[in-house]
Amino acid sequence: FIYGVCRLDTAGALNGENVNQKYCKNCINTNGDQVNLDEKACAQACLDDPSGSCMGFSHADNANCILYGVDGEHYLRHPGDVENEWLGYALHDEPCLADKIPIGCTPNFNTIKMNTKFVCRHLNQDNTRWLAWGVEDFTQEMIDELRIKMASVALVDADKDVSLVIGEGDQDGHVKVTFAIQVPSNVIIPMTGMLKTILVSKSRDGALYFHSKITTDNALKNAGELIPKAGHIAGILVKGMRHNLVDKSKELHTTSWSELSPSACSVDPVDPPCPDVICEKCNSTACPDVICE
């Protein structure tokens, strides 16, 4: 980083030249922070940019957040902020994401206009660029906490009764997370009914149990403790047994809800076809979508 306002290094321009940019004083980033709050908040706004091409930012604490990139100035609203708009300036020059990418970009976006109130930061121009978004994957701590949380929901012992398998994930970033709960045979039917009630039937409240270690009535925001921070629970499936209402015999029973399209579902021959069968849970490097089975 450099103290100052980011500029394009141009011959004869003492303070450099401006590039395409936008700024906002009161906009909110996807973490819920005002973008001008501090450097971290402005950096998150850069990562939030719908253009995907933010190349850097200038920030002054509690003053302003300026984003630079390719076409970013045309995206005046960011995800989750419906009340505020960015103010964009389309100038003659746009910075290069990499060498001659995009065509017509201007290189040497690497100098500043001196201003000690501001800090200028740039994203890398190679494959390490994507590390700025963080490495999102299930850690061992998350796996352990997921088992503990499921045990608390199912009223069983986490160490003895609950096992967990994280699927490989697919090209769309969906990952299937499968819980297996070991209980005596005479408990399978009431356990299936209880989990269906809690995790499927209660207006999809089941997703809220897996947003943080401590369950609250309003756990809408994923805390990143049980699933990757960028994760989103896309559905829940409960598979067990029930009594047939006519002859009281035991039969397989599957209930679920899902936000995923049928094409995203992996149809198991044992299960009914989509959309009754839930599919995936969220994954690593892509945008994770979680599903508890």
C-alpha atoms as a PDB file:
ATOM      1  CA  PHE A   1       0.000   0.000   0.000  1.00  0.00           C
ATOM      2  CA  ILE A   2       0.983   3.656  -0.337  1.00  0.00           C
ATOM      3  CA  TYR A   3      -0.216   6.696   1.561  1.00  0.00           C
ATOM      4  CA  GLY A   4      -2.062   8.839  -0.949  1.00  0.00           C
ATOM      5  CA  VAL A   5      -4.822   8.654  -3.552  1.00  0.00           C
ATOM      6  CA  CYS A   6      -4.344   6.033  -6.282  1.00  0.00           C
ATOM      7  CA  ARG A   7      -3.365   7.453  -9.663  1.00  0.00           C
ATOM      8  CA  LEU A   8      -2.163   6.398 -13.090  1.00  0.00           C
ATOM      9  CA  ASP A   9       1.565   6.994 -13.654  1.00  0.00           C
ATOM     10  CA  THR A  10       1.673   9.251 -16.719  1.00  0.00           C
ATOM     11  CA  ALA A  11       4.643  11.137 -18.098  1.00  0.00           C
ATOM     12  CA  GLY A  12       4.428  14.837 -17.296  1.00  0.00           C
ATOM     13  CA  ALA A  13       1.660  14.450 -14.720  1.00  0.00           C
ATOM     14  CA  LEU A  14       3.226  15.311 -11.353  1.00  0.00           C
ATOM     15  CA  ASN A  15       0.311  13.895  -9.335  1.00  0.00           C
ATOM     16  CA  GLY A  16      -0.577  11.174 -11.819  1.00  0.00           C
ATOM     17  CA  GLU A  17      -3.883  10.932 -13.667  1.00  0.00           C
ATOM     18  CA  ASN A  18      -7.291   9.686 -12.660  1.00  0.00           C
ATOM     19  CA  VAL A  19      -8.765   6.441 -13.947  1.00  0.00           C
ATOM     20  CA  ASN A  20     -12.356   5.225 -14.076  1.00  0.00           C
ATOM     21  CA  GLN A  21     -13.699   5.275 -10.552  1.00  0.00           C
ATOM     22  CA  LYS A  22     -16.658   5.589  -8.229  1.00  0.00           C
ATOM     23  CA  TYR A  23     -17.013   6.719  -4.653  1.00  0.00           C
ATOM     24  CA  CYS A  24     -19.528   6.689  -1.853  1.00  0.00           C
ATOM     25  CA  LYS A  25     -19.584   8.005   1.677  1.00  0.00           C
ATOM     26  CA  ASN A  26     -22.552   6.170   3.160  1.00  0.00           C
ATOM     27  CA  CYS A  27     -22.852   2.977   1.120  1.00  0.00           C
ATOM     28  CA  ILE A  28     -22.938  -0.352   2.971  1.00  0.00           C
ATOM     29  CA  ASN A  29     -20.791  -3.374   2.118  1.00  0.00           C
ATOM     30  CA  THR A  30     -21.908  -7.001   2.337  1.00  0.00           C
ATOM     31  CA  ASN A  31     -20.632  -7.213   5.921  1.00  0.00           C
ATOM     32  CA  GLY A  32     -23.091  -4.470   6.881  1.00  0.00           C
ATOM     33  CA  ASP A  33     -20.413  -1.815   7.435  1.00  0.00           C
ATOM     34  CA  GLN A  34     -20.333   1.684   5.985  1.00  0.00           C
ATOM     35  CA  VAL A  35     -17.690   1.616   3.285  1.00  0.00           C
ATOM     36  CA  ASN A  36     -15.986   4.743   4.612  1.00  0.00           C
ATOM     37  CA  LEU A  37     -15.680   3.342   8.136  1.00  0.00           C
ATOM     38  CA  ASP A  38     -12.136   2.011   7.790  1.00  0.00           C
ATOM     39  CA  GLU A  39      -9.767   0.424   5.303  1.00  0.00           C
ATOM     40  CA  LYS A  40     -11.195  -3.051   5.798  1.00  0.00           C
ATOM     41  CA  ALA A  41     -14.732  -1.841   5.051  1.00  0.00           C
ATOM     42  CA  CYS A  42     -13.624  -0.134   1.842  1.00  0.00           C
ATOM     43  CA  ALA A  43     -11.636  -3.209   0.805  1.00  0.00           C
ATOM     44  CA  GLN A  44     -14.764  -5.330   1.194  1.00  0.00           C
ATOM     45  CA  ALA A  45     -16.646  -2.888  -1.035  1.00  0.00           C
ATOM     46  CA  CYS A  46     -13.979  -3.457  -3.698  1.00  0.00           C
ATOM     47  CA  LEU A  47     -14.528  -7.222  -3.417  1.00  0.00           C
ATOM     48  CA  ASP A  48     -18.311  -6.694  -3.526  1.00  0.00           C
ATOM     49  CA  ASP A  49     -18.197  -4.750  -6.798  1.00  0.00           C
ATOM     50  CA  PRO A  50     -20.662  -6.451  -9.192  1.00  0.00           C
ATOM     51  CA  SER A  51     -18.290  -5.777 -12.100  1.00  0.00           C
ATOM     52  CA  GLY A  52     -15.814  -8.244 -10.602  1.00  0.00           C
ATOM     53  CA  SER A  53     -13.083  -5.981 -11.939  1.00  0.00           C
ATOM     54  CA  CYS A  54     -12.170  -3.761  -8.999  1.00  0.00           C
ATOM     55  CA  MET A  55      -8.457  -3.109  -9.341  1.00  0.00           C
ATOM     56  CA  GLY A  56      -7.815  -1.052  -6.226  1.00  0.00           C
ATOM     57  CA  PHE A  57      -9.177   1.491  -3.797  1.00  0.00           C
ATOM     58  CA  SER A  58      -8.333   4.698  -1.971  1.00  0.00           C
ATOM     59  CA  HIS A  59      -9.647   5.178   1.532  1.00  0.00           C
ATOM     60  CA  ALA A  60      -9.634   7.761   4.298  1.00  0.00           C
ATOM     61  CA  ASP A  61     -11.096   6.734   7.652  1.00  0.00           C
ATOM     62  CA  ASN A  62     -14.642   8.022   8.130  1.00  0.00           C
ATOM     63  CA  ALA A  63     -14.228  10.178   5.027  1.00  0.00           C
ATOM     64  CA  ASN A  64     -14.465   8.360   1.727  1.00  0.00           C
ATOM     65  CA  CYS A  65     -14.033   5.133  -0.218  1.00  0.00           C
ATOM     66  CA  ILE A  66     -13.006   5.310  -3.891  1.00  0.00           C
ATOM     67  CA  LEU A  67     -12.992   2.193  -6.093  1.00  0.00           C
ATOM     68  CA  TYR A  68     -11.102   1.784  -9.378  1.00  0.00           C
ATOM     69  CA  GLY A  69     -11.618  -0.808 -12.058  1.00  0.00           C
ATOM     70  CA  VAL A  70     -13.059  -1.764 -15.420  1.00  0.00           C
ATOM     71  CA  ASP A  71     -16.711  -0.736 -15.879  1.00  0.00           C
ATOM     72  CA  GLY A  72     -17.198  -0.605 -12.111  1.00  0.00           C
ATOM     73  CA  GLU A  73     -18.433   2.984 -12.422  1.00  0.00           C
ATOM     74  CA  HIS A  74     -21.520   1.651 -14.236  1.00  0.00           C
ATOM     75  CA  TYR A  75     -22.557  -0.473 -11.254  1.00  0.00           C
ATOM     76  CA  LEU A  76     -23.942   2.100  -8.859  1.00  0.00           C
ATOM     77  CA  ARG A  77     -25.630  -0.324  -6.475  1.00  0.00           C
ATOM     78  CA  HIS A  78     -23.877  -3.063  -4.562  1.00  0.00           C
ATOM     79  CA  PRO A  79     -25.424  -6.290  -3.195  1.00  0.00           C
ATOM     80  CA  GLY A  80     -27.529  -5.858  -0.072  1.00  0.00           C
ATOM     81  CA  ASP A  81     -27.549  -2.044  -0.135  1.00  0.00           C
ATOM     82  CA  VAL A  82     -30.846  -0.865  -1.604  1.00  0.00           C
ATOM     83  CA  GLU A  83     -30.809   2.638  -0.145  1.00  0.00           C
ATOM     84  CA  ASN A  84     -27.477   4.041  -1.338  1.00  0.00           C
ATOM     85  CA  GLU A  85     -25.846   4.612  -4.713  1.00  0.00           C
ATOM     86  CA  TRP A  86     -22.242   5.042  -5.737  1.00  0.00           C
ATOM     87  CA  LEU A  87     -21.271   8.049  -7.809  1.00  0.00           C
ATOM     88  CA  GLY A  88     -19.309   6.930 -10.858  1.00  0.00           C
ATOM     89  CA  TYR A  89     -16.929   8.743 -13.167  1.00  0.00           C
ATOM     90  CA  ALA A  90     -16.078   7.271 -16.572  1.00  0.00           C
ATOM     91  CA  LEU A  91     -12.767   8.839 -17.515  1.00  0.00           C
ATOM     92  CA  HIS A  92     -10.494   8.324 -20.503  1.00  0.00           C
ATOM     93  CA  ASP A  93      -8.365   5.661 -18.834  1.00  0.00           C
ATOM     94  CA  GLU A  94      -9.271   2.382 -17.185  1.00  0.00           C
ATOM     95  CA  PRO A  95      -6.643   0.337 -15.337  1.00  0.00           C
ATOM     96  CA  CYS A  96      -5.442  -3.016 -16.645  1.00  0.00           C
ATOM     97  CA  LEU A  97      -6.485  -6.145 -14.770  1.00  0.00           C
ATOM     98  CA  ALA A  98      -3.446  -7.814 -16.339  1.00  0.00           C
ATOM     99  CA  ASP A  99      -1.169  -7.080 -19.283  1.00  0.00           C
ATOM    100  CA  LYS A 100      -3.404  -5.750 -22.114  1.00  0.00           C
ATOM    101  CA  ILE A 101      -6.522  -7.061 -20.389  1.00  0.00           C
ATOM    102  CA  PRO A 102      -8.983  -5.702 -21.243  1.00  0.00           C
ATOM    103  CA  ILE A 103      -7.999  -4.481 -24.698  1.00  0.00           C
ATOM    104  CA  GLY A 104      -7.424  -0.744 -24.635  1.00  0.00           C
ATOM    105  CA  CYS A 105      -6.676  -0.540 -20.920  1.00  0.00           C
ATOM    106  CA  THR A 106      -3.999   1.796 -19.619  1.00  0.00           C
ATOM    107  CA  PRO A 107      -0.997   0.263 -17.784  1.00  0.00           C
ATOM    108  CA  ASN A 108       0.982   1.726 -14.882  1.00  0.00           C
ATOM    109  CA  PHE A 109      -1.836   2.187 -12.387  1.00  0.00           C
ATOM    110  CA  ASN A 110       0.827   2.350  -9.730  1.00  0.00           C
ATOM    111  CA  THR A 111       1.374   5.866  -8.447  1.00  0.00           C
ATOM    112  CA  ILE A 112      -0.382   8.302  -6.106  1.00  0.00           C
ATOM    113  CA  LYS A 113      -1.413  11.857  -5.523  1.00  0.00           C
ATOM    114  CA  MET A 114       0.068  12.727  -2.145  1.00  0.00           C
ATOM    115  CA  ASN A 115      -2.529  12.894   0.612  1.00  0.00           C
ATOM    116  CA  THR A 116      -1.611  11.530   4.035  1.00  0.00           C
ATOM    117  CA  LYS A 117      -5.269  11.044   4.968  1.00  0.00           C
ATOM    118  CA  PHE A 118      -5.678   8.365   2.277  1.00  0.00           C
ATOM    119  CA  VAL A 119      -4.221   4.920   1.764  1.00  0.00           C
ATOM    120  CA  CYS A 120      -4.026   3.403  -1.733  1.00  0.00           C
ATOM    121  CA  ARG A 121      -4.144  -0.355  -2.245  1.00  0.00           C
ATOM    122  CA  HIS A 122      -4.104  -2.485  -5.403  1.00  0.00           C
ATOM    123  CA  LEU A 123      -5.214  -6.032  -6.129  1.00  0.00           C
ATOM    124  CA  ASN A 124      -2.620  -8.333  -7.647  1.00  0.00           C
ATOM    125  CA  GLN A 125      -2.546  -8.770 -11.413  1.00  0.00           C
ATOM    126  CA  ASP A 126      -2.027 -12.535 -11.529  1.00  0.00           C
ATOM    127  CA  ASN A 127      -3.697 -15.661 -10.168  1.00  0.00           C
ATOM    128  CA  THR A 128      -3.028 -14.501  -6.594  1.00  0.00           C
ATOM    129  CA  ARG A 129      -5.689 -11.823  -7.156  1.00  0.00           C
ATOM    130  CA  TRP A 130      -8.360 -14.269  -6.009  1.00  0.00           C
ATOM    131  CA  LEU A 131      -6.734 -14.776  -2.623  1.00  0.00           C
ATOM    132  CA  ALA A 132      -8.156 -11.369  -1.684  1.00  0.00           C
ATOM    133  CA  TRP A 133     -11.554 -13.053  -1.380  1.00  0.00           C
ATOM    134  CA  GLY A 134     -10.107 -15.540   1.077  1.00  0.00           C
ATOM    135  CA  VAL A 135      -9.810 -19.306   0.963  1.00  0.00           C
ATOM    136  CA  GLU A 136     -13.280 -20.612   1.697  1.00  0.00           C
ATOM    137  CA  ASP A 137     -13.422 -24.240   2.738  1.00  0.00           C
ATOM    138  CA  PHE A 138     -14.687 -26.374   5.574  1.00  0.00           C
ATOM    139  CA  THR A 139     -12.109 -26.465   8.344  1.00  0.00           C
ATOM    140  CA  GLN A 140     -11.825 -29.293  10.819  1.00  0.00           C
ATOM    141  CA  GLU A 141     -13.163 -26.960  13.479  1.00  0.00           C
ATOM    142  CA  MET A 142     -16.257 -26.308  11.347  1.00  0.00           C
ATOM    143  CA  ILE A 143     -16.801 -30.037  10.871  1.00  0.00           C
ATOM    144  CA  ASP A 144     -16.531 -30.657  14.610  1.00  0.00           C
ATOM    145  CA  GLU A 145     -18.895 -27.791  15.396  1.00  0.00           C
ATOM    146  CA  LEU A 146     -21.405 -28.996  12.784  1.00  0.00           C
ATOM    147  CA  ARG A 147     -21.522 -32.406  14.480  1.00  0.00           C
ATOM    148  CA  ILE A 148     -22.024 -30.755  17.854  1.00  0.00           C
ATOM    149  CA  LYS A 149     -24.799 -28.534  16.501  1.00  0.00           C
ATOM    150  CA  MET A 150     -26.610 -31.418  14.802  1.00  0.00           C
ATOM    151  CA  ALA A 151     -26.346 -33.437  18.013  1.00  0.00           C
ATOM    152  CA  SER A 152     -27.924 -30.565  19.938  1.00  0.00           C
ATOM    153  CA  VAL A 153     -30.787 -30.404  17.428  1.00  0.00           C
ATOM    154  CA  ALA A 154     -31.338 -34.181  17.406  1.00  0.00           C
ATOM    155  CA  LEU A 155     -30.832 -34.535  21.174  1.00  0.00           C
ATOM    156  CA  VAL A 156     -28.072 -37.127  20.827  1.00  0.00           C
ATOM    157  CA  ASP A 157     -24.393 -37.420  21.732  1.00  0.00           C
ATOM    158  CA  ALA A 158     -22.110 -35.728  19.188  1.00  0.00           C
ATOM    159  CA  ASP A 159     -19.151 -38.063  19.695  1.00  0.00           C
ATOM    160  CA  LYS A 160     -21.051 -41.359  19.760  1.00  0.00           C
ATOM    161  CA  ASP A 161     -24.086 -40.763  17.570  1.00  0.00           C
ATOM    162  CA  VAL A 162     -23.281 -38.262  14.810  1.00  0.00           C
ATOM    163  CA  SER A 163     -20.986 -38.694  11.809  1.00  0.00           C
ATOM    164  CA  LEU A 164     -20.454 -36.186   9.018  1.00  0.00           C
ATOM    165  CA  VAL A 165     -19.297 -36.384   5.397  1.00  0.00           C
ATOM    166  CA  ILE A 166     -18.477 -33.335   3.256  1.00  0.00           C
ATOM    167  CA  GLY A 167     -19.029 -34.001  -0.463  1.00  0.00           C
ATOM    168  CA  GLU A 168     -16.621 -33.041  -3.219  1.00  0.00           C
ATOM    169  CA  GLY A 169     -18.776 -30.271  -4.628  1.00  0.00           C
ATOM    170  CA  ASP A 170     -19.656 -29.539  -8.227  1.00  0.00           C
ATOM    171  CA  GLN A 171     -18.735 -26.949 -10.835  1.00  0.00           C
ATOM    172  CA  ASP A 172     -21.425 -24.593  -9.542  1.00  0.00           C
ATOM    173  CA  GLY A 173     -19.974 -24.550  -6.042  1.00  0.00           C
ATOM    174  CA  HIS A 174     -22.639 -26.759  -4.460  1.00  0.00           C
ATOM    175  CA  VAL A 175     -21.484 -29.145  -1.762  1.00  0.00           C
ATOM    176  CA  LYS A 176     -23.528 -31.825  -0.084  1.00  0.00           C
ATOM    177  CA  VAL A 177     -23.033 -32.202   3.653  1.00  0.00           C
ATOM    178  CA  THR A 178     -24.404 -35.483   4.980  1.00  0.00           C
ATOM    179  CA  PHE A 179     -25.097 -36.211   8.634  1.00  0.00           C
ATOM    180  CA  ALA A 180     -25.705 -39.774   9.817  1.00  0.00           C
ATOM    181  CA  ILE A 181     -27.369 -40.123  13.210  1.00  0.00           C
ATOM    182  CA  GLN A 182     -27.130 -43.473  14.983  1.00  0.00           C
ATOM    183  CA  VAL A 183     -30.148 -44.282  17.189  1.00  0.00           C
ATOM    184  CA  PRO A 184     -31.914 -47.477  18.322  1.00  0.00           C
ATOM    185  CA  SER A 185     -34.319 -48.889  15.716  1.00  0.00           C
ATOM    186  CA  ASN A 186     -37.374 -48.008  17.796  1.00  0.00           C
ATOM    187  CA  VAL A 187     -36.315 -44.337  17.773  1.00  0.00           C
ATOM    188  CA  ILE A 188     -35.799 -43.939  13.999  1.00  0.00           C
ATOM    189  CA  ILE A 189     -39.431 -43.069  13.214  1.00  0.00           C
ATOM    190  CA  PRO A 190     -39.971 -40.445  15.958  1.00  0.00           C
ATOM    191  CA  MET A 191     -36.478 -39.033  15.285  1.00  0.00           C
ATOM    192  CA  THR A 192     -37.319 -38.661  11.573  1.00  0.00           C
ATOM    193  CA  GLY A 193     -40.553 -36.892  12.469  1.00  0.00           C
ATOM    194  CA  MET A 194     -38.853 -34.520  14.887  1.00  0.00           C
ATOM    195  CA  LEU A 195     -36.084 -33.555  12.463  1.00  0.00           C
ATOM    196  CA  LYS A 196     -38.644 -33.059   9.700  1.00  0.00           C
ATOM    197  CA  THR A 197     -40.596 -30.735  11.983  1.00  0.00           C
ATOM    198  CA  ILE A 198     -37.579 -28.742  13.151  1.00  0.00           C
ATOM    199  CA  LEU A 199     -35.459 -28.570  10.005  1.00  0.00           C
ATOM    200  CA  VAL A 200     -37.958 -28.790   7.141  1.00  0.00           C
ATOM    201  CA  SER A 201     -41.491 -27.868   8.203  1.00  0.00           C
ATOM    202  CA  LYS A 202     -40.826 -24.795  10.363  1.00  0.00           C
ATOM    203  CA  SER A 203     -40.762 -22.234   7.547  1.00  0.00           C
ATOM    204  CA  ARG A 204     -37.194 -23.230   6.678  1.00  0.00           C
ATOM    205  CA  ASP A 205     -35.999 -22.127  10.087  1.00  0.00           C
ATOM    206  CA  GLY A 206     -33.728 -25.158   9.988  1.00  0.00           C
ATOM    207  CA  ALA A 207     -31.138 -23.154   8.084  1.00  0.00           C
ATOM    208  CA  LEU A 208     -30.728 -20.815  11.031  1.00  0.00           C
ATOM    209  CA  TYR A 209     -29.362 -23.575  13.280  1.00  0.00           C
ATOM    210  CA  PHE A 210     -26.244 -23.810  11.125  1.00  0.00           C
ATOM    211  CA  HIS A 211     -25.330 -20.129  10.896  1.00  0.00           C
ATOM    212  CA  SER A 212     -23.480 -19.930  14.208  1.00  0.00           C
ATOM    213  CA  LYS A 213     -22.448 -21.991  17.207  1.00  0.00           C
ATOM    214  CA  ILE A 214     -25.079 -20.305  19.380  1.00  0.00           C
ATOM    215  CA  THR A 215     -28.621 -20.619  18.049  1.00  0.00           C
ATOM    216  CA  THR A 216     -30.654 -17.417  18.177  1.00  0.00           C
ATOM    217  CA  ASP A 217     -34.145 -16.432  17.046  1.00  0.00           C
ATOM    218  CA  ASN A 218     -32.727 -14.150  14.381  1.00  0.00           C
ATOM    219  CA  ALA A 219     -29.568 -15.858  13.114  1.00  0.00           C
ATOM    220  CA  LEU A 220     -30.060 -14.717   9.539  1.00  0.00           C
ATOM    221  CA  LYS A 221     -26.414 -13.820   8.988  1.00  0.00           C
ATOM    222  CA  ASN A 222     -23.903 -16.611   8.486  1.00  0.00           C
ATOM    223  CA  ALA A 223     -21.195 -16.065  11.108  1.00  0.00           C
ATOM    224  CA  GLY A 224     -18.713 -18.292   9.283  1.00  0.00           C
ATOM    225  CA  GLU A 225     -18.347 -20.580  12.312  1.00  0.00           C
ATOM    226  CA  LEU A 226     -20.064 -23.705  10.988  1.00  0.00           C
ATOM    227  CA  ILE A 227     -19.976 -23.156   7.232  1.00  0.00           C
ATOM    228  CA  PRO A 228     -17.672 -20.979   5.101  1.00  0.00           C
ATOM    229  CA  LYS A 229     -18.446 -17.274   5.470  1.00  0.00           C
ATOM    230  CA  ALA A 230     -19.534 -16.978   1.845  1.00  0.00           C
ATOM    231  CA  GLY A 231     -21.743 -20.016   2.287  1.00  0.00           C
ATOM    232  CA  HIS A 232     -25.477 -20.140   1.884  1.00  0.00           C
ATOM    233  CA  ILE A 233     -27.721 -23.010   2.962  1.00  0.00           C
ATOM    234  CA  ALA A 234     -29.624 -23.910  -0.187  1.00  0.00           C
ATOM    235  CA  GLY A 235     -31.750 -26.689   1.225  1.00  0.00           C
ATOM    236  CA  ILE A 236     -32.218 -29.379   3.841  1.00  0.00           C
ATOM    237  CA  LEU A 237     -33.254 -33.000   3.385  1.00  0.00           C
ATOM    238  CA  VAL A 238     -34.305 -35.389   6.132  1.00  0.00           C
ATOM    239  CA  LYS A 239     -34.289 -39.065   5.178  1.00  0.00           C
ATOM    240  CA  GLY A 240     -35.532 -41.703   7.600  1.00  0.00           C
ATOM    241  CA  MET A 241     -38.623 -43.792   8.186  1.00  0.00           C
ATOM    242  CA  ARG A 242     -42.294 -43.424   9.082  1.00  0.00           C
ATOM    243  CA  HIS A 243     -45.335 -45.555   9.746  1.00  0.00           C
ATOM    244  CA  ASN A 244     -47.636 -46.184   6.799  1.00  0.00           C
ATOM    245  CA  LEU A 245     -50.917 -44.507   7.713  1.00  0.00           C
ATOM    246  CA  VAL A 246     -52.986 -47.485   6.490  1.00  0.00           C
ATOM    247  CA  ASP A 247     -51.257 -50.619   7.733  1.00  0.00           C
ATOM    248  CA  LYS A 248     -48.745 -49.021  10.148  1.00  0.00           C
ATOM    249  CA  SER A 249     -45.831 -50.774   8.442  1.00  0.00           C
ATOM    250  CA  LYS A 250     -42.440 -49.054   8.423  1.00  0.00           C
ATOM    251  CA  GLU A 251     -41.486 -47.321   5.187  1.00  0.00           C
ATOM    252  CA  LEU A 252     -38.738 -45.009   3.948  1.00  0.00           C
ATOM    253  CA  HIS A 253     -39.615 -41.343   4.224  1.00  0.00           C
ATOM    254  CA  THR A 254     -37.858 -38.296   2.716  1.00  0.00           C
ATOM    255  CA  THR A 255     -38.810 -34.648   3.152  1.00  0.00           C
ATOM    256  CA  SER A 256     -36.920 -31.575   2.054  1.00  0.00           C
ATOM    257  CA  TRP A 257     -36.863 -28.013   0.863  1.00  0.00           C
ATOM    258  CA  SER A 258     -34.483 -26.604  -1.708  1.00  0.00           C
ATOM    259  CA  GLU A 259     -33.667 -23.363  -3.466  1.00  0.00           C
ATOM    260  CA  LEU A 260     -31.771 -25.219  -6.177  1.00  0.00           C
ATOM    261  CA  SER A 261     -33.165 -25.907  -9.622  1.00  0.00           C
ATOM    262  CA  PRO A 262     -33.866 -29.527 -10.528  1.00  0.00           C
ATOM    263  CA  SER A 263     -30.871 -29.496 -12.897  1.00  0.00           C
ATOM    264  CA  ALA A 264     -28.599 -28.909  -9.915  1.00  0.00           C
ATOM    265  CA  CYS A 265     -29.932 -31.919  -8.055  1.00  0.00           C
ATOM    266  CA  SER A 266     -28.161 -35.241  -7.910  1.00  0.00           C
ATOM    267  CA  VAL A 267     -30.906 -37.825  -8.126  1.00  0.00           C
ATOM    268  CA  ASP A 268     -30.294 -40.819  -5.916  1.00  0.00           C
ATOM    269  CA  PRO A 269     -32.139 -43.961  -7.111  1.00  0.00           C
ATOM    270  CA  VAL A 270     -33.277 -44.519  -3.536  1.00  0.00           C
ATOM    271  CA  ASP A 271     -34.786 -41.066  -3.276  1.00  0.00           C
ATOM    272  CA  PRO A 272     -37.659 -39.457  -5.156  1.00  0.00           C
ATOM    273  CA  PRO A 273     -36.659 -37.225  -8.103  1.00  0.00           C
ATOM    274  CA  CYS A 274     -36.078 -33.500  -7.825  1.00  0.00           C
ATOM    275  CA  PRO A 275     -37.261 -31.201  -6.467  1.00  0.00           C
ATOM    276  CA  ASP A 276     -38.262 -33.454  -3.551  1.00  0.00           C
ATOM    277  CA  VAL A 277     -34.667 -34.544  -3.106  1.00  0.00           C
ATOM    278  CA  ILE A 278     -32.454 -31.879  -1.752  1.00  0.00           C
ATOM    279  CA  CYS A 279     -29.146 -31.554  -3.336  1.00  0.00           C
ATOM    280  CA  GLU A 280     -26.243 -29.666  -2.309  1.00  0.00           C
ATOM    281  CA  LYS A 281     -24.486 -27.811   0.393  1.00  0.00           C
ATOM    282  CA  CYS A 282     -21.941 -25.223  -0.107  1.00  0.00           C
ATOM    283  CA  ASN A 283     -18.324 -25.499  -0.945  1.00  0.00           C
ATOM    284  CA  SER A 284     -14.896 -24.231  -0.850  1.00  0.00           C
ATOM    285  CA  THR A 285     -13.445 -21.853  -3.339  1.00  0.00           C
ATOM    286  CA  ALA A 286     -16.642 -21.091  -5.186  1.00  0.00           C
ATOM    287  CA  CYS A 287     -19.663 -19.580  -3.584  1.00  0.00           C
ATOM    288  CA  PRO A 288     -20.697 -22.299  -1.153  1.00  0.00           C
ATOM    289  CA  ASP A 289     -24.263 -23.471  -0.821  1.00  0.00           C
ATOM    290  CA  VAL A 290     -24.999 -25.739   2.054  1.00  0.00           C
ATOM    291  CA  ILE A 291     -27.351 -28.567   2.565  1.00  0.00           C
ATOM    292  CA  CYS A 292     -27.815 -30.753   5.586  1.00  0.00           C
ATOM    293  CA  GLU A 293     -28.996 -34.254   4.995  1.00  0.00           C
END
